[in-house]
PDB file of N, CA and C in Angstrom:
ATOM      1  N   HIS A   1       1.156  -1.427  -0.010  1.00  0.00           N
ATOM      2  CA  HIS A   1       0.140  -0.536  -0.145  1.00  0.00           C
ATOM      3  C   HIS A   1       0.896   1.647   0.121  1.00  0.00           C
ATOM      4  N   LEU A   2       0.399   2.179  -0.682  1.00  0.00           N
ATOM      5  CA  LEU A   2       1.070   3.499  -0.723  1.00  0.00           C
ATOM      6  C   LEU A   2       0.846   4.487   0.299  1.00  0.00           C
ATOM      7  N   ASP A   3       0.825   4.137   1.297  1.00  0.00           N
ATOM      8  CA  ASP A   3       0.401   5.250   1.986  1.00  0.00           C
ATOM      9  C   ASP A   3       0.742   4.106   3.411  1.00  0.00           C
ATOM     10  N   GLN A   4       1.331   2.773   3.131  1.00  0.00           N
ATOM     11  CA  GLN A   4       2.280   2.460   4.692  1.00  0.00           C
ATOM     12  C   GLN A   4       3.175   2.322   3.959  1.00  0.00           C
ATOM     13  N   ASP A   5       4.183   2.051   2.974  1.00  0.00           N
ATOM     14  CA  ASP A   5       5.721   3.239   2.678  1.00  0.00           C
ATOM     15  C   ASP A   5       5.805   4.296   2.175  1.00  0.00           C
ATOM     16  N   ASP A   6       4.770   5.542   2.064  1.00  0.00           N
ATOM     17  CA  ASP A   6       4.926   6.746   2.066  1.00  0.00           C
ATOM     18  C   ASP A   6       4.623   7.570   3.117  1.00  0.00           C
ATOM     19  N   GLY A   7       4.158   7.360   4.219  1.00  0.00           N
ATOM     20  CA  GLY A   7       2.660   7.486   5.133  1.00  0.00           C
ATOM     21  C   GLY A   7       1.688   8.520   4.806  1.00  0.00           C
ATOM     22  N   GLU A   8       1.319   7.805   3.450  1.00  0.00           N
ATOM     23  CA  GLU A   8       0.318   8.985   2.597  1.00  0.00           C
ATOM     24  C   GLU A   8      -0.739   8.201   2.843  1.00  0.00           C
ATOM     25  N   ASN A   9      -1.867   8.614   2.944  1.00  0.00           N
ATOM     26  CA  ASN A   9      -2.850   8.231   3.520  1.00  0.00           C
ATOM     27  C   ASN A   9      -4.098   8.538   2.268  1.00  0.00           C
ATOM     28  N   ILE A  10      -3.818   7.629   1.125  1.00  0.00           N
ATOM     29  CA  ILE A  10      -4.807   6.751  -0.055  1.00  0.00           C
ATOM     30  C   ILE A  10      -4.993   5.549   0.249  1.00  0.00           C
ATOM     31  N   ILE A  11      -6.131   5.913  -0.244  1.00  0.00           N
ATOM     32  CA  ILE A  11      -7.206   4.863  -0.533  1.00  0.00           C
ATOM     33  C   ILE A  11      -8.177   4.455  -1.475  1.00  0.00           C
ATOM     34  N   ALA A  12      -7.652   3.466  -2.115  1.00  0.00           N
ATOM     35  CA  ALA A  12      -7.994   3.419  -3.823  1.00  0.00           C
ATOM     36  C   ALA A  12      -9.358   1.931  -4.168  1.00  0.00           C
ATOM     37  N   ASN A  13     -10.432   2.360  -4.727  1.00  0.00           N
ATOM     38  CA  ASN A  13     -11.073   1.212  -4.897  1.00  0.00           C
ATOM     39  C   ASN A  13     -11.334   1.130  -6.036  1.00  0.00           C
ATOM     40  N   SER A  14     -11.590  -0.312  -6.677  1.00  0.00           N
ATOM     41  CA  SER A  14     -12.551   0.077  -8.402  1.00  0.00           C
ATOM     42  C   SER A  14     -14.467   0.124  -8.367  1.00  0.00           C
ATOM     43  N   LEU A  15     -14.612   0.403  -9.276  1.00  0.00           N
ATOM     44  CA  LEU A  15     -15.948   0.319  -9.530  1.00  0.00           C
ATOM     45  C   LEU A  15     -16.194   0.163 -10.942  1.00  0.00           C
ATOM     46  N   HIS A  16     -17.320  -0.911 -11.459  1.00  0.00           N
ATOM     47  CA  HIS A  16     -18.216  -0.914 -12.930  1.00  0.00           C
ATOM     48  C   HIS A  16     -19.499   0.128 -12.759  1.00  0.00           C
ATOM     49  N   PRO A  17     -19.692   1.609 -13.496  1.00  0.00           N
ATOM     50  CA  PRO A  17     -20.771   2.181 -14.245  1.00  0.00           C
ATOM     51  C   PRO A  17     -21.076   0.871 -14.223  1.00  0.00           C
ATOM     52  N   GLY A  18     -21.161   0.634 -15.287  1.00  0.00           N
ATOM     53  CA  GLY A  18     -23.067   0.012 -15.699  1.00  0.00           C
ATOM     54  C   GLY A  18     -22.575   0.114 -16.984  1.00  0.00           C
ATOM     55  N   ALA A  19     -23.904  -0.367 -17.745  1.00  0.00           N
ATOM     56  CA  ALA A  19     -23.396  -0.035 -19.161  1.00  0.00           C
ATOM     57  C   ALA A  19     -24.683   0.815 -19.382  1.00  0.00           C
ATOM     58  N   ILE A  20     -24.363   1.541 -19.804  1.00  0.00           N
ATOM     59  CA  ILE A  20     -24.881   3.138 -19.890  1.00  0.00           C
ATOM     60  C   ILE A  20     -24.995   3.999 -21.017  1.00  0.00           C
ATOM     61  N   VAL A  21     -26.274   4.338 -21.867  1.00  0.00           N
ATOM     62  CA  VAL A  21     -26.809   5.080 -23.049  1.00  0.00           C
ATOM     63  C   VAL A  21     -25.867   6.062 -23.255  1.00  0.00           C
ATOM     64  N   THR A  22     -24.668   6.591 -24.317  1.00  0.00           N
ATOM     65  CA  THR A  22     -24.309   7.946 -24.210  1.00  0.00           C
ATOM     66  C   THR A  22     -25.152   8.405 -25.553  1.00  0.00           C
ATOM     67  N   ASN A  23     -23.760   8.945 -26.078  1.00  0.00           N
ATOM     68  CA  ASN A  23     -24.006   9.634 -26.992  1.00  0.00           C
ATOM     69  C   ASN A  23     -23.055   9.030 -29.034  1.00  0.00           C
ATOM     70  N   LEU A  24     -22.222   8.140 -28.007  1.00  0.00           N
ATOM     71  CA  LEU A  24     -21.227   7.893 -28.445  1.00  0.00           C
ATOM     72  C   LEU A  24     -21.545   7.034 -30.081  1.00  0.00           C
ATOM     73  N   TYR A  25     -23.435   6.525 -30.624  1.00  0.00           N
ATOM     74  CA  TYR A  25     -23.098   5.374 -31.371  1.00  0.00           C
ATOM     75  C   TYR A  25     -23.650   7.129 -32.296  1.00  0.00           C
ATOM     76  N   ARG A  26     -23.668   8.348 -32.194  1.00  0.00           N
ATOM     77  CA  ARG A  26     -24.456   9.006 -32.337  1.00  0.00           C
ATOM     78  C   ARG A  26     -23.551   8.374 -34.363  1.00  0.00           C
ATOM     79  N   TYR A  27     -22.596   8.246 -34.095  1.00  0.00           N
ATOM     80  CA  TYR A  27     -21.448   8.190 -35.802  1.00  0.00           C
ATOM     81  C   TYR A  27     -21.790   6.729 -36.135  1.00  0.00           C
ATOM     82  N   THR A  28     -22.017   5.693 -35.785  1.00  0.00           N
ATOM     83  CA  THR A  28     -22.126   4.399 -36.075  1.00  0.00           C
ATOM     84  C   THR A  28     -23.198   4.237 -37.637  1.00  0.00           C
ATOM     85  N   SER A  29     -23.545   2.327 -37.670  1.00  0.00           N
ATOM     86  CA  SER A  29     -24.416   1.883 -38.433  1.00  0.00           C
ATOM     87  C   SER A  29     -25.645   1.540 -37.596  1.00  0.00           C
ATOM     88  N   ILE A  30     -26.349   2.095 -39.040  1.00  0.00           N
ATOM     89  CA  ILE A  30     -28.148   1.472 -38.686  1.00  0.00           C
ATOM     90  C   ILE A  30     -28.071   0.425 -37.301  1.00  0.00           C
ATOM     91  N   ILE A  31     -27.530  -0.387 -37.143  1.00  0.00           N
ATOM     92  CA  ILE A  31     -27.660  -1.533 -36.843  1.00  0.00           C
ATOM     93  C   ILE A  31     -27.477  -1.543 -35.535  1.00  0.00           C
ATOM     94  N   ASP A  32     -26.621  -0.801 -35.562  1.00  0.00           N
ATOM     95  CA  ASP A  32     -25.712  -0.550 -34.011  1.00  0.00           C
ATOM     96  C   ASP A  32     -27.240   0.824 -33.012  1.00  0.00           C
ATOM     97  N   GLY A  33     -27.481   1.257 -34.311  1.00  0.00           N
ATOM     98  CA  GLY A  33     -28.019   2.629 -34.198  1.00  0.00           C
ATOM     99  C   GLY A  33     -29.854   2.459 -32.978  1.00  0.00           C
ATOM    100  N   ILE A  34     -29.834   0.466 -33.841  1.00  0.00           N
ATOM    101  CA  ILE A  34     -30.858  -0.098 -33.647  1.00  0.00           C
ATOM    102  C   ILE A  34     -30.309  -0.636 -31.700  1.00  0.00           C
ATOM    103  N   ILE A  35     -29.852  -1.837 -31.990  1.00  0.00           N
ATOM    104  CA  ILE A  35     -29.228  -1.643 -30.751  1.00  0.00           C
ATOM    105  C   ILE A  35     -29.176  -0.881 -29.304  1.00  0.00           C
ATOM    106  N   ASN A  36     -28.576   0.361 -29.872  1.00  0.00           N
ATOM    107  CA  ASN A  36     -28.776   1.674 -29.206  1.00  0.00           C
ATOM    108  C   ASN A  36     -30.182   2.217 -28.337  1.00  0.00           C
ATOM    109  N   VAL A  37     -30.603   1.989 -29.476  1.00  0.00           N
ATOM    110  CA  VAL A  37     -32.580   2.204 -28.966  1.00  0.00           C
ATOM    111  C   VAL A  37     -32.908   1.027 -27.560  1.00  0.00           C
ATOM    112  N   VAL A  38     -32.604   0.112 -28.009  1.00  0.00           N
ATOM    113  CA  VAL A  38     -33.138  -1.244 -27.517  1.00  0.00           C
ATOM    114  C   VAL A  38     -32.588  -1.179 -26.343  1.00  0.00           C
ATOM    115  N   GLY A  39     -30.787  -0.803 -26.122  1.00  0.00           N
ATOM    116  CA  GLY A  39     -30.161  -0.140 -24.439  1.00  0.00           C
ATOM    117  C   GLY A  39     -30.845   0.524 -24.102  1.00  0.00           C
ATOM    118  N   LYS A  40     -31.275   1.961 -24.177  1.00  0.00           N
ATOM    119  CA  LYS A  40     -32.221   2.918 -23.910  1.00  0.00           C
ATOM    120  C   LYS A  40     -33.231   1.999 -22.722  1.00  0.00           C
ATOM    121  N   LEU A  41     -33.995   1.297 -23.207  1.00  0.00           N
ATOM    122  CA  LEU A  41     -34.841   0.448 -22.943  1.00  0.00           C
ATOM    123  C   LEU A  41     -34.610  -0.430 -21.108  1.00  0.00           C
ATOM    124  N   VAL A  42     -32.944  -0.641 -21.089  1.00  0.00           N
ATOM    125  CA  VAL A  42     -32.673  -1.248 -20.621  1.00  0.00           C
ATOM    126  C   VAL A  42     -31.051  -0.793 -19.639  1.00  0.00           C
ATOM    127  N   MET A  43     -30.841  -0.271 -20.516  1.00  0.00           N
ATOM    128  CA  MET A  43     -28.969   0.610 -20.081  1.00  0.00           C
ATOM    129  C   MET A  43     -29.536   1.809 -19.160  1.00  0.00           C
ATOM    130  N   LYS A  44     -28.447   2.244 -18.514  1.00  0.00           N
ATOM    131  CA  LYS A  44     -28.409   3.567 -17.111  1.00  0.00           C
ATOM    132  C   LYS A  44     -28.284   5.179 -18.119  1.00  0.00           C
ATOM    133  N   ASN A  45     -28.711   5.369 -18.332  1.00  0.00           N
ATOM    134  CA  ASN A  45     -28.712   7.233 -18.264  1.00  0.00           C
ATOM    135  C   ASN A  45     -27.310   7.763 -17.626  1.00  0.00           C
ATOM    136  N   VAL A  46     -26.678   9.056 -17.826  1.00  0.00           N
ATOM    137  CA  VAL A  46     -25.734   8.590 -17.790  1.00  0.00           C
ATOM    138  C   VAL A  46     -25.681   9.284 -15.876  1.00  0.00           C
ATOM    139  N   GLN A  47     -27.064   9.935 -15.605  1.00  0.00           N
ATOM    140  CA  GLN A  47     -26.902  10.502 -14.223  1.00  0.00           C
ATOM    141  C   GLN A  47     -26.390   8.333 -12.906  1.00  0.00           C
ATOM    142  N   GLN A  48     -27.008   7.694 -13.435  1.00  0.00           N
ATOM    143  CA  GLN A  48     -27.452   6.424 -13.047  1.00  0.00           C
ATOM    144  C   GLN A  48     -25.739   6.081 -13.310  1.00  0.00           C
ATOM    145  N   GLY A  49     -25.342   6.170 -14.121  1.00  0.00           N
ATOM    146  CA  GLY A  49     -23.701   5.541 -14.831  1.00  0.00           C
ATOM    147  C   GLY A  49     -23.029   6.307 -13.772  1.00  0.00           C
ATOM    148  N   ALA A  50     -23.071   7.243 -12.868  1.00  0.00           N
ATOM    149  CA  ALA A  50     -22.402   8.741 -12.613  1.00  0.00           C
ATOM    150  C   ALA A  50     -22.279   7.556 -10.677  1.00  0.00           C
ATOM    151  N   ALA A  51     -23.924   7.625 -10.801  1.00  0.00           N
ATOM    152  CA  ALA A  51     -24.128   7.391  -9.036  1.00  0.00           C
ATOM    153  C   ALA A  51     -22.995   6.536  -8.099  1.00  0.00           C
ATOM    154  N   THR A  52     -22.422   5.141  -8.883  1.00  0.00           N
ATOM    155  CA  THR A  52     -21.758   4.630  -8.112  1.00  0.00           C
ATOM    156  C   THR A  52     -20.234   5.406  -7.969  1.00  0.00           C
ATOM    157  N   THR A  53     -20.234   6.134  -9.144  1.00  0.00           N
ATOM    158  CA  THR A  53     -18.330   6.450  -9.197  1.00  0.00           C
ATOM    159  C   THR A  53     -18.709   7.415  -7.815  1.00  0.00           C
ATOM    160  N   CYS A  54     -19.930   8.152  -7.969  1.00  0.00           N
ATOM    161  CA  CYS A  54     -19.923   9.207  -6.514  1.00  0.00           C
ATOM    162  C   CYS A  54     -20.617   9.245  -5.155  1.00  0.00           C
ATOM    163  N   TYR A  55     -20.887   7.939  -5.158  1.00  0.00           N
ATOM    164  CA  TYR A  55     -20.864   6.923  -4.359  1.00  0.00           C
ATOM    165  C   TYR A  55     -19.842   6.806  -3.264  1.00  0.00           C
ATOM    166  N   VAL A  56     -18.607   5.950  -4.108  1.00  0.00           N
ATOM    167  CA  VAL A  56     -17.299   5.329  -3.836  1.00  0.00           C
ATOM    168  C   VAL A  56     -16.858   6.312  -3.710  1.00  0.00           C
ATOM    169  N   ALA A  57     -16.881   7.842  -4.455  1.00  0.00           N
ATOM    170  CA  ALA A  57     -15.676   8.841  -3.860  1.00  0.00           C
ATOM    171  C   ALA A  57     -15.722  10.041  -2.641  1.00  0.00           C
ATOM    172  N   LEU A  58     -17.736  10.119  -3.116  1.00  0.00           N
ATOM    173  CA  LEU A  58     -18.100  11.272  -1.678  1.00  0.00           C
ATOM    174  C   LEU A  58     -18.972  10.632  -0.202  1.00  0.00           C
ATOM    175  N   HIS A  59     -18.983   9.660  -0.391  1.00  0.00           N
ATOM    176  CA  HIS A  59     -19.838   8.647   0.306  1.00  0.00           C
ATOM    177  C   HIS A  59     -19.775   8.461   1.742  1.00  0.00           C
ATOM    178  N   THR A  60     -20.514   9.085   3.223  1.00  0.00           N
ATOM    179  CA  THR A  60     -19.282   8.697   4.136  1.00  0.00           C
ATOM    180  C   THR A  60     -19.438   7.381   4.298  1.00  0.00           C
ATOM    181  N   GLN A  61     -20.428   6.682   3.926  1.00  0.00           N
ATOM    182  CA  GLN A  61     -20.462   5.160   4.034  1.00  0.00           C
ATOM    183  C   GLN A  61     -18.863   4.805   4.372  1.00  0.00           C
ATOM    184  N   VAL A  62     -18.697   5.372   2.920  1.00  0.00           N
ATOM    185  CA  VAL A  62     -17.157   4.467   2.235  1.00  0.00           C
ATOM    186  C   VAL A  62     -16.396   5.055   2.340  1.00  0.00           C
ATOM    187  N   LYS A  63     -16.364   6.096   3.345  1.00  0.00           N
ATOM    188  CA  LYS A  63     -14.906   6.079   4.258  1.00  0.00           C
ATOM    189  C   LYS A  63     -13.914   4.617   5.008  1.00  0.00           C
ATOM    190  N   GLY A  64     -12.372   5.154   4.932  1.00  0.00           N
ATOM    191  CA  GLY A  64     -12.038   4.450   5.487  1.00  0.00           C
ATOM    192  C   GLY A  64     -12.109   3.121   4.424  1.00  0.00           C
ATOM    193  N   ILE A  65     -12.987   2.669   3.537  1.00  0.00           N
ATOM    194  CA  ILE A  65     -12.717   1.897   2.792  1.00  0.00           C
ATOM    195  C   ILE A  65     -11.862   2.014   1.734  1.00  0.00           C
ATOM    196  N   GLY A  66     -10.925   1.181   1.087  1.00  0.00           N
ATOM    197  CA  GLY A  66     -10.644   0.018   0.677  1.00  0.00           C
ATOM    198  C   GLY A  66     -10.006  -0.833   0.094  1.00  0.00           C
ATOM    199  N   GLY A  67      -9.537  -1.336  -0.819  1.00  0.00           N
ATOM    200  CA  GLY A  67      -9.344  -2.065  -1.644  1.00  0.00           C
ATOM    201  C   GLY A  67     -10.507  -3.160  -2.110  1.00  0.00           C
ATOM    202  N   GLU A  68     -12.264  -2.415  -2.533  1.00  0.00           N
ATOM    203  CA  GLU A  68     -12.201  -2.987  -2.786  1.00  0.00           C
ATOM    204  C   GLU A  68     -13.040  -2.308  -3.671  1.00  0.00           C
ATOM    205  N   TYR A  69     -14.296  -3.371  -4.061  1.00  0.00           N
ATOM    206  CA  TYR A  69     -14.592  -3.334  -5.905  1.00  0.00           C
ATOM    207  C   TYR A  69     -16.435  -3.100  -5.892  1.00  0.00           C
ATOM    208  N   PHE A  70     -16.961  -1.415  -6.250  1.00  0.00           N
ATOM    209  CA  PHE A  70     -18.184  -2.009  -6.172  1.00  0.00           C
ATOM    210  C   PHE A  70     -18.681  -1.803  -7.452  1.00  0.00           C
ATOM    211  N   VAL A  71     -20.132  -2.221  -7.518  1.00  0.00           N
ATOM    212  CA  VAL A  71     -21.621  -2.670  -8.267  1.00  0.00           C
ATOM    213  C   VAL A  71     -22.675  -1.907  -7.809  1.00  0.00           C
ATOM    214  N   ASP A  72     -23.146  -0.650  -8.317  1.00  0.00           N
ATOM    215  CA  ASP A  72     -24.398  -0.266  -8.107  1.00  0.00           C
ATOM    216  C   ASP A  72     -24.254   0.326  -6.676  1.00  0.00           C
ATOM    217  N   SER A  73     -23.183   0.461  -6.741  1.00  0.00           N
ATOM    218  CA  SER A  73     -23.040   1.113  -5.427  1.00  0.00           C
ATOM    219  C   SER A  73     -23.140   0.415  -4.099  1.00  0.00           C
ATOM    220  N   ASN A  74     -22.774  -0.940  -4.050  1.00  0.00           N
ATOM    221  CA  ASN A  74     -23.172  -2.172  -3.600  1.00  0.00           C
ATOM    222  C   ASN A  74     -20.976  -2.461  -3.503  1.00  0.00           C
ATOM    223  N   ILE A  75     -20.266  -3.363  -2.568  1.00  0.00           N
ATOM    224  CA  ILE A  75     -19.339  -3.421  -2.964  1.00  0.00           C
ATOM    225  C   ILE A  75     -19.751  -4.893  -3.710  1.00  0.00           C
ATOM    226  N   ALA A  76     -18.830  -5.745  -4.671  1.00  0.00           N
ATOM    227  CA  ALA A  76     -19.078  -6.630  -5.134  1.00  0.00           C
ATOM    228  C   ALA A  76     -18.257  -7.427  -5.270  1.00  0.00           C
ATOM    229  N   LYS A  77     -18.534  -8.849  -5.070  1.00  0.00           N
ATOM    230  CA  LYS A  77     -17.567  -9.763  -5.805  1.00  0.00           C
ATOM    231  C   LYS A  77     -16.731  -9.389  -7.505  1.00  0.00           C
ATOM    232  N   THR A  78     -15.463  -9.891  -7.283  1.00  0.00           N
ATOM    233  CA  THR A  78     -14.699  -9.441  -8.196  1.00  0.00           C
ATOM    234  C   THR A  78     -14.684 -11.174  -9.273  1.00  0.00           C
ATOM    235  N   SER A  79     -14.382 -11.373 -10.214  1.00  0.00           N
ATOM    236  CA  SER A  79     -14.058 -12.113 -11.435  1.00  0.00           C
ATOM    237  C   SER A  79     -12.347 -12.738 -10.322  1.00  0.00           C
ATOM    238  N   SER A  80     -12.594 -14.026 -11.262  1.00  0.00           N
ATOM    239  CA  SER A  80     -11.445 -15.018 -10.124  1.00  0.00           C
ATOM    240  C   SER A  80      -9.801 -14.067 -10.763  1.00  0.00           C
ATOM    241  N   GLN A  81      -9.590 -13.222 -12.040  1.00  0.00           N
ATOM    242  CA  GLN A  81      -9.266 -12.540 -12.237  1.00  0.00           C
ATOM    243  C   GLN A  81      -8.227 -11.526 -11.782  1.00  0.00           C
ATOM    244  N   GLY A  82      -9.682 -10.849 -11.256  1.00  0.00           N
ATOM    245  CA  GLY A  82      -9.376  -9.324  -9.860  1.00  0.00           C
ATOM    246  C   GLY A  82      -9.152  -9.986  -8.416  1.00  0.00           C
ATOM    247  N   ARG A  83      -9.698 -11.667  -7.902  1.00  0.00           N
ATOM    248  CA  ARG A  83      -8.645 -11.504  -6.186  1.00  0.00           C
ATOM    249  C   ARG A  83      -7.669 -12.749  -7.045  1.00  0.00           C
ATOM    250  N   ASN A  84      -6.865 -12.828  -8.195  1.00  0.00           N
ATOM    251  CA  ASN A  84      -6.215 -13.718  -8.389  1.00  0.00           C
ATOM    252  C   ASN A  84      -4.580 -13.133  -7.989  1.00  0.00           C
ATOM    253  N   THR A  85      -4.191 -13.040  -6.544  1.00  0.00           N
ATOM    254  CA  THR A  85      -2.794 -13.110  -6.004  1.00  0.00           C
ATOM    255  C   THR A  85      -1.285 -12.776  -6.690  1.00  0.00           C
ATOM    256  N   ASP A  86      -1.192 -13.604  -7.378  1.00  0.00           N
ATOM    257  CA  ASP A  86      -0.455 -12.925  -8.733  1.00  0.00           C
ATOM    258  C   ASP A  86       0.148 -12.118  -9.460  1.00  0.00           C
ATOM    259  N   LEU A  87      -1.377 -11.511  -9.965  1.00  0.00           N
ATOM    260  CA  LEU A  87      -1.694 -11.268 -10.865  1.00  0.00           C
ATOM    261  C   LEU A  87      -1.923  -9.416 -10.404  1.00  0.00           C
ATOM    262  N   ALA A  88      -2.080  -9.604  -9.539  1.00  0.00           N
ATOM    263  CA  ALA A  88      -2.312  -8.379  -8.234  1.00  0.00           C
ATOM    264  C   ALA A  88      -1.007  -7.722  -8.332  1.00  0.00           C
ATOM    265  N   LYS A  89       0.113  -8.875  -7.450  1.00  0.00           N
ATOM    266  CA  LYS A  89       2.011  -8.558  -7.259  1.00  0.00           C
ATOM    267  C   LYS A  89       2.581  -7.803  -8.923  1.00  0.00           C
ATOM    268  N   LYS A  90       2.334  -8.877  -9.874  1.00  0.00           N
ATOM    269  CA  LYS A  90       2.697  -8.363 -11.166  1.00  0.00           C
ATOM    270  C   LYS A  90       2.194  -6.988 -11.680  1.00  0.00           C
ATOM    271  N   LEU A  91       0.741  -6.076 -11.198  1.00  0.00           N
ATOM    272  CA  LEU A  91       0.124  -5.511 -12.005  1.00  0.00           C
ATOM    273  C   LEU A  91       0.583  -4.428 -10.812  1.00  0.00           C
ATOM    274  N   TRP A  92       0.959  -3.774  -9.430  1.00  0.00           N
ATOM    275  CA  TRP A  92       1.095  -3.109  -8.696  1.00  0.00           C
ATOM    276  C   TRP A  92       2.914  -2.882  -8.848  1.00  0.00           C
ATOM    277  N   ASP A  93       4.185  -4.298  -9.688  1.00  0.00           N
ATOM    278  CA  ASP A  93       4.894  -3.847  -9.620  1.00  0.00           C
ATOM    279  C   ASP A  93       5.754  -2.980 -10.702  1.00  0.00           C
ATOM    280  N   PHE A  94       4.333  -3.820 -11.382  1.00  0.00           N
ATOM    281  CA  PHE A  94       4.355  -2.494 -12.477  1.00  0.00           C
ATOM    282  C   PHE A  94       3.873  -0.825 -12.374  1.00  0.00           C
ATOM    283  N   SER A  95       3.217  -0.649 -12.647  1.00  0.00           N
ATOM    284  CA  SER A  95       2.295   0.361 -11.801  1.00  0.00           C
ATOM    285  C   SER A  95       3.443   1.368 -10.962  1.00  0.00           C
ATOM    286  N   MET A  96       3.937   0.692  -9.780  1.00  0.00           N
ATOM    287  CA  MET A  96       5.461   1.300  -9.157  1.00  0.00           C
ATOM    288  C   MET A  96       6.823   1.701 -10.403  1.00  0.00           C
ATOM    289  N   ASP A  97       7.273   0.856 -10.775  1.00  0.00           N
ATOM    290  CA  ASP A  97       8.340   1.255 -11.817  1.00  0.00           C
ATOM    291  C   ASP A  97       7.835   1.767 -12.474  1.00  0.00           C
ATOM    292  N   LEU A  98       6.315   2.127 -12.827  1.00  0.00           N
ATOM    293  CA  LEU A  98       5.885   2.904 -13.962  1.00  0.00           C
ATOM    294  C   LEU A  98       5.996   4.709 -13.184  1.00  0.00           C
ATOM    295  N   ILE A  99       6.165   5.304 -11.626  1.00  0.00           N
ATOM    296  CA  ILE A  99       6.042   6.209 -11.039  1.00  0.00           C
ATOM    297  C   ILE A  99       6.458   6.487 -10.440  1.00  0.00           C
ATOM    298  N   LYS A 100       8.178   5.954 -10.328  1.00  0.00           N
ATOM    299  CA  LYS A 100       9.496   5.397  -9.486  1.00  0.00           C
ATOM    300  C   LYS A 100       9.966   6.900  -9.617  1.00  0.00           C
ATOM    301  N   ASP A 101      10.466   7.046  -8.841  1.00  0.00           N
ATOM    302  CA  ASP A 101      11.879   8.937  -9.578  1.00  0.00           C
ATOM    303  C   ASP A 101      12.534   8.472 -10.170  1.00  0.00           C
ATOM    304  N   LYS A 102      13.366   9.049 -10.892  1.00  0.00           N
ATOM    305  CA  LYS A 102      13.565   7.985 -12.110  1.00  0.00           C
ATOM    306  C   LYS A 102      14.936   9.146 -12.152  1.00  0.00           C
TER     307      LYS A 102
END
């Protein structure tokens, strides 16, 4: 943890905002346009998609919680890759290498 290494108070979580209807489909084919119209029935609007991000960043119930994965403003179980400690170490080492002092 960065906070343990450097004495900083850094907390990290990850989240999935969900499938969100945006205007990204405006330049795609007619098939994609049809999928977009149907998607509006089952996908989140932009405000709903932002809800989990805002919750994790700002809500007092999440204060001090780190290392979690959130979906729909709730802690969720990650995939098997997300729980793989070997992959986590490789990602950590790679990330630290990217930000190290040169």
